[in-house]
Amino acid sequence: MNKIQLILASALLFATATAFAQDTTKVKDEAAEQREGPGVGTQKQEQSDDYRKDMTAIQSSEVPAKLRTTLQGKQYKGWEKNSTIYRNRNNDSFLVEMREGDQVKVHRFDQHGKAVKDYD
């Protein structure tokens, strides 16, 4: 009888130790990584700057007239003061990073100044 109680107590102790040994912090970090990243919601400044690859920053005075007309829309209000504009070296497309507080919104435009949706 004592052997059975000792075996059951050992099994209970082993099961309890195994249950508390699970590393849940790693699981949470992996899930957060999958939810965040380039192309998901608003881009964060801490994230990789790969989306600006092959881009060159330009002055607001260098913005073409067609793009300037598009940027007069309500959703781009304040672009002249709170943004950085990039031109793609390869295909003459544009990227506008607009800062609102600690967030950065990224808008893409084609060579004709029309908004382009990201499909990342």
PDB file of N, CA and C in Angstrom:
ATOM      1  N   MET A   1       0.811  -1.184   0.000  1.00  0.00           N
ATOM      2  CA  MET A   1       0.000   0.000   0.000  1.00  0.00           C
ATOM      3  C   MET A   1       0.864   1.260   0.000  1.00  0.00           C
ATOM      4  N   ASN A   2       1.969   1.231   0.765  1.00  0.00           N
ATOM      5  CA  ASN A   2       2.853   2.391   0.809  1.00  0.00           C
ATOM      6  C   ASN A   2       3.527   2.644  -0.529  1.00  0.00           C
ATOM      7  N   LYS A   3       3.833   1.569  -1.258  1.00  0.00           N
ATOM      8  CA  LYS A   3       4.462   1.728  -2.572  1.00  0.00           C
ATOM      9  C   LYS A   3       3.503   2.404  -3.549  1.00  0.00           C
ATOM     10  N   ILE A   4       2.230   2.031  -3.493  1.00  0.00           N
ATOM     11  CA  ILE A   4       1.239   2.628  -4.391  1.00  0.00           C
ATOM     12  C   ILE A   4       1.084   4.113  -4.081  1.00  0.00           C
ATOM     13  N   GLN A   5       1.032   4.485  -2.802  1.00  0.00           N
ATOM     14  CA  GLN A   5       0.911   5.882  -2.417  1.00  0.00           C
ATOM     15  C   GLN A   5       2.153   6.669  -2.842  1.00  0.00           C
ATOM     16  N   LEU A   6       3.320   6.073  -2.705  1.00  0.00           N
ATOM     17  CA  LEU A   6       4.556   6.727  -3.115  1.00  0.00           C
ATOM     18  C   LEU A   6       4.588   6.932  -4.629  1.00  0.00           C
ATOM     19  N   ILE A   7       4.134   5.946  -5.380  1.00  0.00           N
ATOM     20  CA  ILE A   7       4.098   6.060  -6.845  1.00  0.00           C
ATOM     21  C   ILE A   7       3.095   7.130  -7.262  1.00  0.00           C
ATOM     22  N   LEU A   8       1.906   7.156  -6.646  1.00  0.00           N
ATOM     23  CA  LEU A   8       0.894   8.156  -6.978  1.00  0.00           C
ATOM     24  C   LEU A   8       1.371   9.565  -6.622  1.00  0.00           C
ATOM     25  N   ALA A   9       2.013   9.713  -5.468  1.00  0.00           N
ATOM     26  CA  ALA A   9       2.529  11.017  -5.064  1.00  0.00           C
ATOM     27  C   ALA A   9       3.626  11.482  -6.021  1.00  0.00           C
ATOM     28  N   SER A  10       4.480  10.573  -6.437  1.00  0.00           N
ATOM     29  CA  SER A  10       5.550  10.902  -7.393  1.00  0.00           C
ATOM     30  C   SER A  10       4.961  11.309  -8.741  1.00  0.00           C
ATOM     31  N   ALA A  11       3.954  10.573  -9.188  1.00  0.00           N
ATOM     32  CA  ALA A  11       3.306  10.892 -10.466  1.00  0.00           C
ATOM     33  C   ALA A  11       2.635  12.261 -10.404  1.00  0.00           C
ATOM     34  N   LEU A  12       1.977  12.557  -9.276  1.00  0.00           N
ATOM     35  CA  LEU A  12       1.327  13.855  -9.110  1.00  0.00           C
ATOM     36  C   LEU A  12       2.354  14.987  -9.111  1.00  0.00           C
ATOM     37  N   LEU A  13       3.451  14.792  -8.422  1.00  0.00           N
ATOM     38  CA  LEU A  13       4.521  15.779  -8.384  1.00  0.00           C
ATOM     39  C   LEU A  13       5.115  15.987  -9.769  1.00  0.00           C
ATOM     40  N   PHE A  14       5.347  14.911 -10.495  1.00  0.00           N
ATOM     41  CA  PHE A  14       5.896  14.986 -11.850  1.00  0.00           C
ATOM     42  C   PHE A  14       4.934  15.723 -12.781  1.00  0.00           C
ATOM     43  N   ALA A  15       3.637  15.421 -12.692  1.00  0.00           N
ATOM     44  CA  ALA A  15       2.643  16.067 -13.552  1.00  0.00           C
ATOM     45  C   ALA A  15       2.558  17.559 -13.250  1.00  0.00           C
ATOM     46  N   THR A  16       2.620  17.928 -11.973  1.00  0.00           N
ATOM     47  CA  THR A  16       2.570  19.341 -11.589  1.00  0.00           C
ATOM     48  C   THR A  16       3.800  20.087 -12.100  1.00  0.00           C
ATOM     49  N   ALA A  17       4.956  19.483 -11.936  1.00  0.00           N
ATOM     50  CA  ALA A  17       6.189  20.111 -12.407  1.00  0.00           C
ATOM     51  C   ALA A  17       6.170  20.278 -13.915  1.00  0.00           C
ATOM     52  N   THR A  18       5.665  19.309 -14.632  1.00  0.00           N
ATOM     53  CA  THR A  18       5.588  19.376 -16.092  1.00  0.00           C
ATOM     54  C   THR A  18       4.634  20.484 -16.542  1.00  0.00           C
ATOM     55  N   ALA A  19       3.510  20.621 -15.863  1.00  0.00           N
ATOM     56  CA  ALA A  19       2.524  21.643 -16.228  1.00  0.00           C
ATOM     57  C   ALA A  19       3.095  23.051 -16.046  1.00  0.00           C
ATOM     58  N   PHE A  20       3.839  23.272 -14.990  1.00  0.00           N
ATOM     59  CA  PHE A  20       4.396  24.603 -14.738  1.00  0.00           C
ATOM     60  C   PHE A  20       5.683  24.866 -15.511  1.00  0.00           C
ATOM     61  N   ALA A  21       6.207  23.876 -16.171  1.00  0.00           N
ATOM     62  CA  ALA A  21       7.453  24.049 -16.922  1.00  0.00           C
ATOM     63  C   ALA A  21       7.211  24.587 -18.328  1.00  0.00           C
ATOM     64  N   GLN A  22       5.968  24.767 -18.744  1.00  0.00           N
ATOM     65  CA  GLN A  22       5.662  25.263 -20.072  1.00  0.00           C
ATOM     66  C   GLN A  22       6.112  26.712 -20.207  1.00  0.00           C
ATOM     67  N   ASP A  23       6.807  27.034 -21.310  1.00  0.00           N
ATOM     68  CA  ASP A  23       7.286  28.390 -21.564  1.00  0.00           C
ATOM     69  C   ASP A  23       6.264  29.112 -22.446  1.00  0.00           C
ATOM     70  N   THR A  24       5.344  29.820 -21.834  1.00  0.00           N
ATOM     71  CA  THR A  24       4.298  30.494 -22.598  1.00  0.00           C
ATOM     72  C   THR A  24       4.750  31.837 -23.152  1.00  0.00           C
ATOM     73  N   THR A  25       5.824  32.410 -22.655  1.00  0.00           N
ATOM     74  CA  THR A  25       6.270  33.710 -23.163  1.00  0.00           C
ATOM     75  C   THR A  25       6.733  33.607 -24.604  1.00  0.00           C
ATOM     76  N   LYS A  26       7.377  32.525 -24.955  1.00  0.00           N
ATOM     77  CA  LYS A  26       7.836  32.352 -26.329  1.00  0.00           C
ATOM     78  C   LYS A  26       6.649  32.216 -27.278  1.00  0.00           C
ATOM     79  N   VAL A  27       5.626  31.530 -26.873  1.00  0.00           N
ATOM     80  CA  VAL A  27       4.438  31.360 -27.700  1.00  0.00           C
ATOM     81  C   VAL A  27       3.789  32.715 -27.947  1.00  0.00           C
ATOM     82  N   LYS A  28       3.678  33.547 -26.933  1.00  0.00           N
ATOM     83  CA  LYS A  28       3.077  34.863 -27.087  1.00  0.00           C
ATOM     84  C   LYS A  28       3.899  35.729 -28.029  1.00  0.00           C
ATOM     85  N   ASP A  29       5.222  35.707 -27.924  1.00  0.00           N
ATOM     86  CA  ASP A  29       6.083  36.519 -28.784  1.00  0.00           C
ATOM     87  C   ASP A  29       5.956  36.101 -30.246  1.00  0.00           C
ATOM     88  N   GLU A  30       5.867  34.785 -30.504  1.00  0.00           N
ATOM     89  CA  GLU A  30       5.719  34.312 -31.874  1.00  0.00           C
ATOM     90  C   GLU A  30       4.378  34.746 -32.450  1.00  0.00           C
ATOM     91  N   ALA A  31       3.332  34.704 -31.644  1.00  0.00           N
ATOM     92  CA  ALA A  31       2.016  35.133 -32.116  1.00  0.00           C
ATOM     93  C   ALA A  31       2.015  36.631 -32.412  1.00  0.00           C
ATOM     94  N   ALA A  32       2.655  37.412 -31.589  1.00  0.00           N
ATOM     95  CA  ALA A  32       2.722  38.854 -31.819  1.00  0.00           C
ATOM     96  C   ALA A  32       3.496  39.157 -33.090  1.00  0.00           C
ATOM     97  N   GLU A  33       4.550  38.413 -33.359  1.00  0.00           N
ATOM     98  CA  GLU A  33       5.335  38.601 -34.573  1.00  0.00           C
ATOM     99  C   GLU A  33       4.495  38.332 -35.814  1.00  0.00           C
ATOM    100  N   GLN A  34       3.619  37.351 -35.747  1.00  0.00           N
ATOM    101  CA  GLN A  34       2.792  37.019 -36.894  1.00  0.00           C
ATOM    102  C   GLN A  34       1.731  38.086 -37.143  1.00  0.00           C
ATOM    103  N   ARG A  35       1.251  38.735 -36.089  1.00  0.00           N
ATOM    104  CA  ARG A  35       0.232  39.770 -36.241  1.00  0.00           C
ATOM    105  C   ARG A  35       0.823  41.088 -36.697  1.00  0.00           C
ATOM    106  N   GLU A  36       2.073  41.350 -36.387  1.00  0.00           N
ATOM    107  CA  GLU A  36       2.700  42.613 -36.735  1.00  0.00           C
ATOM    108  C   GLU A  36       3.683  42.392 -37.869  1.00  0.00           C
ATOM    109  N   GLY A  37       4.090  43.472 -38.473  1.00  0.00           N
ATOM    110  CA  GLY A  37       5.087  43.384 -39.530  1.00  0.00           C
ATOM    111  C   GLY A  37       4.700  44.254 -40.693  1.00  0.00           C
ATOM    112  N   PRO A  38       5.565  44.339 -41.684  1.00  0.00           N
ATOM    113  CA  PRO A  38       5.294  45.166 -42.850  1.00  0.00           C
ATOM    114  C   PRO A  38       4.014  44.746 -43.543  1.00  0.00           C
ATOM    115  N   GLY A  39       3.191  45.709 -43.904  1.00  0.00           N
ATOM    116  CA  GLY A  39       1.964  45.417 -44.600  1.00  0.00           C
ATOM    117  C   GLY A  39       0.786  45.157 -43.694  1.00  0.00           C
ATOM    118  N   VAL A  40       0.943  45.163 -42.410  1.00  0.00           N
ATOM    119  CA  VAL A  40      -0.146  44.906 -41.476  1.00  0.00           C
ATOM    120  C   VAL A  40      -0.455  46.198 -40.749  1.00  0.00           C
ATOM    121  N   GLY A  41      -1.581  46.797 -41.062  1.00  0.00           N
ATOM    122  CA  GLY A  41      -1.972  48.022 -40.367  1.00  0.00           C
ATOM    123  C   GLY A  41      -1.008  49.156 -40.642  1.00  0.00           C
ATOM    124  N   THR A  42      -0.825  49.983 -39.667  1.00  0.00           N
ATOM    125  CA  THR A  42       0.078  51.118 -39.782  1.00  0.00           C
ATOM    126  C   THR A  42       1.507  50.673 -39.555  1.00  0.00           C
ATOM    127  N   GLN A  43       2.392  51.115 -40.399  1.00  0.00           N
ATOM    128  CA  GLN A  43       3.799  50.771 -40.247  1.00  0.00           C
ATOM    129  C   GLN A  43       4.358  51.465 -39.022  1.00  0.00           C
ATOM    130  N   LYS A  44       5.196  50.784 -38.259  1.00  0.00           N
ATOM    131  CA  LYS A  44       5.848  51.385 -37.105  1.00  0.00           C
ATOM    132  C   LYS A  44       7.289  51.686 -37.472  1.00  0.00           C
ATOM    133  N   GLN A  45       7.813  52.736 -36.892  1.00  0.00           N
ATOM    134  CA  GLN A  45       9.171  53.171 -37.204  1.00  0.00           C
ATOM    135  C   GLN A  45      10.209  52.126 -36.815  1.00  0.00           C
ATOM    136  N   GLU A  46       9.947  51.331 -35.745  1.00  0.00           N
ATOM    137  CA  GLU A  46      10.924  50.349 -35.291  1.00  0.00           C
ATOM    138  C   GLU A  46      11.069  49.182 -36.263  1.00  0.00           C
ATOM    139  N   GLN A  47      10.075  48.997 -37.118  1.00  0.00           N
ATOM    140  CA  GLN A  47      10.099  47.865 -38.025  1.00  0.00           C
ATOM    141  C   GLN A  47      11.165  48.058 -39.099  1.00  0.00           C
ATOM    142  N   SER A  48      11.396  47.013 -39.820  1.00  0.00           N
ATOM    143  CA  SER A  48      12.393  47.031 -40.879  1.00  0.00           C
ATOM    144  C   SER A  48      12.059  48.099 -41.917  1.00  0.00           C
ATOM    145  N   ASP A  49      13.069  48.712 -42.459  1.00  0.00           N
ATOM    146  CA  ASP A  49      12.875  49.731 -43.481  1.00  0.00           C
ATOM    147  C   ASP A  49      12.984  49.147 -44.884  1.00  0.00           C
ATOM    148  N   ASP A  50      12.717  47.837 -45.046  1.00  0.00           N
ATOM    149  CA  ASP A  50      12.816  47.189 -46.346  1.00  0.00           C
ATOM    150  C   ASP A  50      11.834  47.769 -47.364  1.00  0.00           C
ATOM    151  N   TYR A  51      10.715  48.287 -46.901  1.00  0.00           N
ATOM    152  CA  TYR A  51       9.738  48.825 -47.832  1.00  0.00           C
ATOM    153  C   TYR A  51      10.252  50.080 -48.529  1.00  0.00           C
ATOM    154  N   ARG A  52      11.367  50.652 -48.045  1.00  0.00           N
ATOM    155  CA  ARG A  52      11.978  51.827 -48.685  1.00  0.00           C
ATOM    156  C   ARG A  52      13.179  51.449 -49.543  1.00  0.00           C
ATOM    157  N   LYS A  53      13.368  50.169 -49.767  1.00  0.00           N
ATOM    158  CA  LYS A  53      14.491  49.724 -50.594  1.00  0.00           C
ATOM    159  C   LYS A  53      14.335  50.330 -51.993  1.00  0.00           C
ATOM    160  N   ASP A  54      15.410  50.769 -52.571  1.00  0.00           N
ATOM    161  CA  ASP A  54      15.449  51.403 -53.888  1.00  0.00           C
ATOM    162  C   ASP A  54      14.707  52.738 -53.929  1.00  0.00           C
ATOM    163  N   MET A  55      14.514  53.351 -52.770  1.00  0.00           N
ATOM    164  CA  MET A  55      13.836  54.642 -52.716  1.00  0.00           C
ATOM    165  C   MET A  55      14.834  55.737 -52.344  1.00  0.00           C
ATOM    166  N   THR A  56      14.590  56.937 -52.854  1.00  0.00           N
ATOM    167  CA  THR A  56      15.409  58.099 -52.544  1.00  0.00           C
ATOM    168  C   THR A  56      14.493  59.196 -52.012  1.00  0.00           C
ATOM    169  N   ALA A  57      14.870  59.798 -50.899  1.00  0.00           N
ATOM    170  CA  ALA A  57      14.075  60.893 -50.336  1.00  0.00           C
ATOM    171  C   ALA A  57      14.156  62.109 -51.255  1.00  0.00           C
ATOM    172  N   ILE A  58      13.017  62.758 -51.426  1.00  0.00           N
ATOM    173  CA  ILE A  58      12.980  63.968 -52.249  1.00  0.00           C
ATOM    174  C   ILE A  58      12.355  65.103 -51.435  1.00  0.00           C
ATOM    175  N   GLN A  59      12.601  66.326 -51.852  1.00  0.00           N
ATOM    176  CA  GLN A  59      12.022  67.504 -51.215  1.00  0.00           C
ATOM    177  C   GLN A  59      10.578  67.673 -51.688  1.00  0.00           C
ATOM    178  N   SER A  60       9.769  68.356 -50.894  1.00  0.00           N
ATOM    179  CA  SER A  60       8.369  68.568 -51.295  1.00  0.00           C
ATOM    180  C   SER A  60       8.284  69.405 -52.567  1.00  0.00           C
ATOM    181  N   SER A  61       9.285  70.219 -52.827  1.00  0.00           N
ATOM    182  CA  SER A  61       9.292  71.017 -54.055  1.00  0.00           C
ATOM    183  C   SER A  61       9.517  70.152 -55.299  1.00  0.00           C
ATOM    184  N   GLU A  62      10.040  68.937 -55.122  1.00  0.00           N
ATOM    185  CA  GLU A  62      10.300  68.031 -56.240  1.00  0.00           C
ATOM    186  C   GLU A  62       9.125  67.108 -56.545  1.00  0.00           C
ATOM    187  N   VAL A  63       8.043  67.231 -55.777  1.00  0.00           N
ATOM    188  CA  VAL A  63       6.872  66.369 -55.979  1.00  0.00           C
ATOM    189  C   VAL A  63       6.183  66.765 -57.281  1.00  0.00           C
ATOM    190  N   PRO A  64       5.938  65.795 -58.184  1.00  0.00           N
ATOM    191  CA  PRO A  64       5.277  66.104 -59.456  1.00  0.00           C
ATOM    192  C   PRO A  64       3.866  66.659 -59.238  1.00  0.00           C
ATOM    193  N   ALA A  65       3.398  67.428 -60.211  1.00  0.00           N
ATOM    194  CA  ALA A  65       2.096  68.095 -60.110  1.00  0.00           C
ATOM    195  C   ALA A  65       0.956  67.093 -59.907  1.00  0.00           C
ATOM    196  N   LYS A  66       0.999  65.955 -60.600  1.00  0.00           N
ATOM    197  CA  LYS A  66      -0.086  64.961 -60.471  1.00  0.00           C
ATOM    198  C   LYS A  66      -0.160  64.407 -59.058  1.00  0.00           C
ATOM    199  N   LEU A  67       0.985  64.116 -58.465  1.00  0.00           N
ATOM    200  CA  LEU A  67       1.007  63.606 -57.096  1.00  0.00           C
ATOM    201  C   LEU A  67       0.605  64.713 -56.124  1.00  0.00           C
ATOM    202  N   ARG A  68       1.041  65.920 -56.384  1.00  0.00           N
ATOM    203  CA  ARG A  68       0.691  67.059 -55.527  1.00  0.00           C
ATOM    204  C   ARG A  68      -0.831  67.244 -55.499  1.00  0.00           C
ATOM    205  N   THR A  69      -1.485  67.062 -56.634  1.00  0.00           N
ATOM    206  CA  THR A  69      -2.946  67.172 -56.716  1.00  0.00           C
ATOM    207  C   THR A  69      -3.605  66.084 -55.864  1.00  0.00           C
ATOM    208  N   THR A  70      -3.110  64.869 -55.955  1.00  0.00           N
ATOM    209  CA  THR A  70      -3.660  63.766 -55.156  1.00  0.00           C
ATOM    210  C   THR A  70      -3.491  64.030 -53.669  1.00  0.00           C
ATOM    211  N   LEU A  71      -2.357  64.576 -53.286  1.00  0.00           N
ATOM    212  CA  LEU A  71      -2.068  64.819 -51.873  1.00  0.00           C
ATOM    213  C   LEU A  71      -2.894  65.955 -51.276  1.00  0.00           C
ATOM    214  N   GLN A  72      -3.671  66.654 -52.093  1.00  0.00           N
ATOM    215  CA  GLN A  72      -4.554  67.704 -51.573  1.00  0.00           C
ATOM    216  C   GLN A  72      -5.820  67.113 -50.944  1.00  0.00           C
ATOM    217  N   GLY A  73      -6.024  65.791 -51.061  1.00  0.00           N
ATOM    218  CA  GLY A  73      -7.192  65.133 -50.475  1.00  0.00           C
ATOM    219  C   GLY A  73      -7.179  65.182 -48.956  1.00  0.00           C
ATOM    220  N   LYS A  74      -8.361  64.996 -48.342  1.00  0.00           N
ATOM    221  CA  LYS A  74      -8.514  65.083 -46.886  1.00  0.00           C
ATOM    222  C   LYS A  74      -7.637  64.095 -46.136  1.00  0.00           C
ATOM    223  N   GLN A  75      -7.510  62.858 -46.650  1.00  0.00           N
ATOM    224  CA  GLN A  75      -6.743  61.826 -45.939  1.00  0.00           C
ATOM    225  C   GLN A  75      -5.248  62.119 -45.889  1.00  0.00           C
ATOM    226  N   TYR A  76      -4.775  63.059 -46.716  1.00  0.00           N
ATOM    227  CA  TYR A  76      -3.350  63.401 -46.741  1.00  0.00           C
ATOM    228  C   TYR A  76      -3.086  64.783 -46.145  1.00  0.00           C
ATOM    229  N   LYS A  77      -4.054  65.317 -45.426  1.00  0.00           N
ATOM    230  CA  LYS A  77      -3.932  66.658 -44.862  1.00  0.00           C
ATOM    231  C   LYS A  77      -2.668  66.768 -43.999  1.00  0.00           C
ATOM    232  N   GLY A  78      -1.889  67.808 -44.211  1.00  0.00           N
ATOM    233  CA  GLY A  78      -0.670  68.051 -43.452  1.00  0.00           C
ATOM    234  C   GLY A  78       0.562  67.357 -44.013  1.00  0.00           C
ATOM    235  N   TRP A  79       0.482  66.817 -45.229  1.00  0.00           N
ATOM    236  CA  TRP A  79       1.608  66.073 -45.792  1.00  0.00           C
ATOM    237  C   TRP A  79       2.843  66.943 -45.968  1.00  0.00           C
ATOM    238  N   GLU A  80       2.661  68.233 -46.215  1.00  0.00           N
ATOM    239  CA  GLU A  80       3.814  69.102 -46.446  1.00  0.00           C
ATOM    240  C   GLU A  80       4.675  69.269 -45.202  1.00  0.00           C
ATOM    241  N   LYS A  81       4.063  69.218 -44.023  1.00  0.00           N
ATOM    242  CA  LYS A  81       4.784  69.462 -42.774  1.00  0.00           C
ATOM    243  C   LYS A  81       5.223  68.176 -42.082  1.00  0.00           C
ATOM    244  N   ASN A  82       4.409  67.140 -42.146  1.00  0.00           N
ATOM    245  CA  ASN A  82       4.615  65.946 -41.324  1.00  0.00           C
ATOM    246  C   ASN A  82       4.954  64.700 -42.129  1.00  0.00           C
ATOM    247  N   SER A  83       5.635  64.836 -43.240  1.00  0.00           N
ATOM    248  CA  SER A  83       5.905  63.639 -44.037  1.00  0.00           C
ATOM    249  C   SER A  83       7.287  63.668 -44.677  1.00  0.00           C
ATOM    250  N   THR A  84       7.697  62.477 -45.076  1.00  0.00           N
ATOM    251  CA  THR A  84       8.904  62.306 -45.875  1.00  0.00           C
ATOM    252  C   THR A  84       8.463  61.637 -47.165  1.00  0.00           C
ATOM    253  N   ILE A  85       8.902  62.150 -48.301  1.00  0.00           N
ATOM    254  CA  ILE A  85       8.495  61.637 -49.602  1.00  0.00           C
ATOM    255  C   ILE A  85       9.685  60.946 -50.247  1.00  0.00           C
ATOM    256  N   TYR A  86       9.421  59.762 -50.797  1.00  0.00           N
ATOM    257  CA  TYR A  86      10.462  58.977 -51.453  1.00  0.00           C
ATOM    258  C   TYR A  86      10.042  58.683 -52.882  1.00  0.00           C
ATOM    259  N   ARG A  87      11.023  58.688 -53.783  1.00  0.00           N
ATOM    260  CA  ARG A  87      10.797  58.303 -55.186  1.00  0.00           C
ATOM    261  C   ARG A  87      11.570  57.023 -55.435  1.00  0.00           C
ATOM    262  N   ASN A  88      10.931  56.073 -56.097  1.00  0.00           N
ATOM    263  CA  ASN A  88      11.585  54.818 -56.445  1.00  0.00           C
ATOM    264  C   ASN A  88      12.542  55.072 -57.598  1.00  0.00           C
ATOM    265  N   ARG A  89      13.767  54.593 -57.464  1.00  0.00           N
ATOM    266  CA  ARG A  89      14.793  54.808 -58.495  1.00  0.00           C
ATOM    267  C   ARG A  89      14.485  54.041 -59.775  1.00  0.00           C
ATOM    268  N   ASN A  90      13.713  52.958 -59.663  1.00  0.00           N
ATOM    269  CA  ASN A  90      13.510  52.068 -60.804  1.00  0.00           C
ATOM    270  C   ASN A  90      12.277  52.387 -61.645  1.00  0.00           C
ATOM    271  N   ASN A  91      11.152  52.721 -61.004  1.00  0.00           N
ATOM    272  CA  ASN A  91       9.931  52.844 -61.798  1.00  0.00           C
ATOM    273  C   ASN A  91       9.158  54.138 -61.553  1.00  0.00           C
ATOM    274  N   ASP A  92       9.758  55.100 -60.921  1.00  0.00           N
ATOM    275  CA  ASP A  92       9.150  56.419 -60.732  1.00  0.00           C
ATOM    276  C   ASP A  92       7.861  56.379 -59.913  1.00  0.00           C
ATOM    277  N   SER A  93       7.734  55.402 -59.013  1.00  0.00           N
ATOM    278  CA  SER A  93       6.614  55.405 -58.083  1.00  0.00           C
ATOM    279  C   SER A  93       7.038  56.180 -56.835  1.00  0.00           C
ATOM    280  N   PHE A  94       6.077  56.484 -55.979  1.00  0.00           N
ATOM    281  CA  PHE A  94       6.345  57.328 -54.817  1.00  0.00           C
ATOM    282  C   PHE A  94       5.821  56.674 -53.538  1.00  0.00           C
ATOM    283  N   LEU A  95       6.424  57.044 -52.433  1.00  0.00           N
ATOM    284  CA  LEU A  95       6.024  56.576 -51.118  1.00  0.00           C
ATOM    285  C   LEU A  95       6.025  57.794 -50.205  1.00  0.00           C
ATOM    286  N   VAL A  96       4.944  57.972 -49.456  1.00  0.00           N
ATOM    287  CA  VAL A  96       4.841  59.096 -48.534  1.00  0.00           C
ATOM    288  C   VAL A  96       4.646  58.532 -47.125  1.00  0.00           C
ATOM    289  N   GLU A  97       5.579  58.858 -46.234  1.00  0.00           N
ATOM    290  CA  GLU A  97       5.479  58.470 -44.825  1.00  0.00           C
ATOM    291  C   GLU A  97       4.956  59.686 -44.066  1.00  0.00           C
ATOM    292  N   MET A  98       3.751  59.567 -43.527  1.00  0.00           N
ATOM    293  CA  MET A  98       3.150  60.666 -42.772  1.00  0.00           C
ATOM    294  C   MET A  98       3.203  60.333 -41.294  1.00  0.00           C
ATOM    295  N   ARG A  99       3.752  61.244 -40.505  1.00  0.00           N
ATOM    296  CA  ARG A  99       3.862  61.043 -39.064  1.00  0.00           C
ATOM    297  C   ARG A  99       2.696  61.706 -38.340  1.00  0.00           C
ATOM    298  N   GLU A 100       2.059  60.918 -37.479  1.00  0.00           N
ATOM    299  CA  GLU A 100       0.987  61.425 -36.611  1.00  0.00           C
ATOM    300  C   GLU A 100       1.313  60.964 -35.205  1.00  0.00           C
ATOM    301  N   GLY A 101       1.909  61.828 -34.418  1.00  0.00           N
ATOM    302  CA  GLY A 101       2.341  61.439 -33.074  1.00  0.00           C
ATOM    303  C   GLY A 101       3.488  60.451 -33.179  1.00  0.00           C
ATOM    304  N   ASP A 102       3.321  59.276 -32.578  1.00  0.00           N
ATOM    305  CA  ASP A 102       4.373  58.262 -32.639  1.00  0.00           C
ATOM    306  C   ASP A 102       4.100  57.218 -33.718  1.00  0.00           C
ATOM    307  N   GLN A 103       3.072  57.430 -34.520  1.00  0.00           N
ATOM    308  CA  GLN A 103       2.743  56.491 -35.592  1.00  0.00           C
ATOM    309  C   GLN A 103       3.179  57.048 -36.948  1.00  0.00           C
ATOM    310  N   VAL A 104       3.469  56.136 -37.859  1.00  0.00           N
ATOM    311  CA  VAL A 104       3.835  56.512 -39.220  1.00  0.00           C
ATOM    312  C   VAL A 104       2.898  55.782 -40.173  1.00  0.00           C
ATOM    313  N   LYS A 105       2.186  56.544 -40.985  1.00  0.00           N
ATOM    314  CA  LYS A 105       1.316  55.950 -42.004  1.00  0.00           C
ATOM    315  C   LYS A 105       2.049  56.016 -43.333  1.00  0.00           C
ATOM    316  N   VAL A 106       2.027  54.908 -44.052  1.00  0.00           N
ATOM    317  CA  VAL A 106       2.727  54.822 -45.329  1.00  0.00           C
ATOM    318  C   VAL A 106       1.698  54.774 -46.456  1.00  0.00           C
ATOM    319  N   HIS A 107       1.866  55.664 -47.421  1.00  0.00           N
ATOM    320  CA  HIS A 107       0.989  55.721 -48.594  1.00  0.00           C
ATOM    321  C   HIS A 107       1.862  55.549 -49.834  1.00  0.00           C
ATOM    322  N   ARG A 108       1.401  54.726 -50.761  1.00  0.00           N
ATOM    323  CA  ARG A 108       2.138  54.492 -52.014  1.00  0.00           C
ATOM    324  C   ARG A 108       1.350  55.070 -53.184  1.00  0.00           C
ATOM    325  N   PHE A 109       2.090  55.573 -54.165  1.00  0.00           N
ATOM    326  CA  PHE A 109       1.482  56.177 -55.343  1.00  0.00           C
ATOM    327  C   PHE A 109       2.250  55.738 -56.587  1.00  0.00           C
ATOM    328  N   ASP A 110       1.529  55.608 -57.713  1.00  0.00           N
ATOM    329  CA  ASP A 110       2.202  55.260 -58.960  1.00  0.00           C
ATOM    330  C   ASP A 110       2.769  56.520 -59.611  1.00  0.00           C
ATOM    331  N   GLN A 111       3.348  56.386 -60.792  1.00  0.00           N
ATOM    332  CA  GLN A 111       3.993  57.517 -61.461  1.00  0.00           C
ATOM    333  C   GLN A 111       2.990  58.578 -61.910  1.00  0.00           C
ATOM    334  N   HIS A 112       1.683  58.226 -61.916  1.00  0.00           N
ATOM    335  CA  HIS A 112       0.650  59.179 -62.305  1.00  0.00           C
ATOM    336  C   HIS A 112       0.007  59.855 -61.093  1.00  0.00           C
ATOM    337  N   GLY A 113       0.507  59.562 -59.891  1.00  0.00           N
ATOM    338  CA  GLY A 113      -0.018  60.178 -58.680  1.00  0.00           C
ATOM    339  C   GLY A 113      -1.235  59.491 -58.098  1.00  0.00           C
ATOM    340  N   LYS A 114      -1.570  58.312 -58.608  1.00  0.00           N
ATOM    341  CA  LYS A 114      -2.724  57.578 -58.099  1.00  0.00           C
ATOM    342  C   LYS A 114      -2.296  56.652 -56.970  1.00  0.00           C
ATOM    343  N   ALA A 115      -3.138  56.565 -55.919  1.00  0.00           N
ATOM    344  CA  ALA A 115      -2.840  55.724 -54.760  1.00  0.00           C
ATOM    345  C   ALA A 115      -2.758  54.253 -55.165  1.00  0.00           C
ATOM    346  N   VAL A 116      -1.797  53.541 -54.588  1.00  0.00           N
ATOM    347  CA  VAL A 116      -1.598  52.123 -54.850  1.00  0.00           C
ATOM    348  C   VAL A 116      -1.788  51.384 -53.533  1.00  0.00           C
ATOM    349  N   LYS A 117      -2.605  50.339 -53.544  1.00  0.00           N
ATOM    350  CA  LYS A 117      -2.815  49.545 -52.330  1.00  0.00           C
ATOM    351  C   LYS A 117      -1.700  48.535 -52.192  1.00  0.00           C
ATOM    352  N   ASP A 118      -1.316  48.273 -50.926  1.00  0.00           N
ATOM    353  CA  ASP A 118      -0.309  47.251 -50.631  1.00  0.00           C
ATOM    354  C   ASP A 118      -1.001  45.905 -50.526  1.00  0.00           C
ATOM    355  N   TYR A 119      -0.388  44.897 -51.085  1.00  0.00           N
ATOM    356  CA  TYR A 119      -0.922  43.543 -51.004  1.00  0.00           C
ATOM    357  C   TYR A 119       0.063  42.619 -50.319  1.00  0.00           C
ATOM    358  N   ASP A 120       0.915  43.133 -49.410  1.00  0.00           N
ATOM    359  CA  ASP A 120       1.934  42.333 -48.714  1.00  0.00           C
ATOM    360  C   ASP A 120       1.301  41.352 -47.783  1.00  0.00           C
TER     361      ASP A 120
END
